[in-house]
Protein backbone atom coordinates (compact mmCIF):
# COMPACT_ATOMS: atom_id res chain seq x y z
CA MET A 1 22.11 13.34 9.06
CA SER A 2 25.29 12.57 7.64
CA TYR A 3 24.30 10.01 4.94
CA GLU A 4 22.22 11.87 2.78
CA LYS A 5 21.56 10.54 -0.69
CA ALA A 6 22.54 12.93 -3.48
CA PRO A 7 18.70 14.46 -4.51
CA ARG A 8 17.43 13.37 -7.77
CA LYS A 9 15.28 16.46 -8.12
CA THR A 10 15.81 20.17 -6.68
CA ASP A 11 12.09 20.95 -7.16
CA VAL A 12 9.94 22.39 -4.23
CA ARG A 13 8.35 19.57 -3.17
CA THR A 14 12.16 17.54 -2.76
CA ILE A 15 12.91 20.48 -0.69
CA ARG A 16 9.96 20.83 1.27
CA THR A 17 9.95 16.91 1.76
CA ARG A 18 13.80 16.87 2.72
CA ALA A 19 13.08 19.77 5.19
CA SER A 20 10.08 18.30 7.04
CA ILE A 21 12.38 14.91 7.65
CA LYS A 22 14.98 17.22 9.28
CA ASN A 23 12.17 19.25 11.00
CA ALA A 24 10.61 16.25 12.24
CA LEU A 25 14.22 14.56 13.42
CA LEU A 26 15.05 17.49 15.32
CA SER A 27 11.80 17.62 16.88
CA LEU A 28 11.96 13.80 17.82
CA LEU A 29 15.14 14.51 19.46
CA GLU A 30 13.90 17.17 21.71
CA GLU A 31 12.05 13.78 23.43
CA ASN A 32 14.24 11.19 22.83
CA PRO A 33 18.03 10.12 22.50
CA LEU A 34 18.89 9.52 18.97
CA ASN A 35 19.36 5.56 19.35
CA GLU A 36 15.57 5.55 20.45
CA ILE A 37 14.46 7.14 17.49
CA SER A 38 13.27 4.98 14.41
CA VAL A 39 12.51 5.98 10.51
CA LYS A 40 9.27 4.80 11.22
CA ASP A 41 9.02 7.34 14.37
CA ILE A 42 10.05 10.14 11.83
CA CYS A 43 7.55 9.32 9.52
CA ASP A 44 4.36 8.85 11.93
CA HIS A 45 5.85 12.24 12.82
CA ILE A 46 5.02 13.82 9.43
CA SER A 47 2.47 11.40 8.08
CA VAL A 48 4.84 10.18 5.09
CA ASN A 49 5.57 6.69 3.71
CA ARG A 50 8.95 5.07 4.90
CA THR A 51 9.90 4.70 1.28
CA THR A 52 9.51 8.48 1.12
CA PHE A 53 12.27 8.72 3.66
CA TYR A 54 14.84 6.30 2.23
CA THR A 55 13.94 8.15 -1.39
CA HIS A 56 16.13 11.13 0.59
CA PHE A 57 18.32 9.45 3.08
CA LYS A 58 20.04 6.20 3.42
CA ASN A 59 19.35 6.18 7.18
CA ILE A 60 18.71 8.34 10.24
CA GLY A 61 22.52 8.86 10.87
CA GLY A 62 25.41 7.97 12.83
CA PRO A 63 27.94 5.40 12.42
């Protein structure tokens, strides 16, 4: 994920959430190409709101 925002906090919850989002993307990449994975797919995979995703990342990645 090359378009990460600077973390607002470095507490355990932030670290855990960011890791969960990254792991969800990696898991979904095993089944689908990147261009077929949406933010909604990632959020559904780990049961978080899209707002949580966008708190930590600008987008999934890529140009």
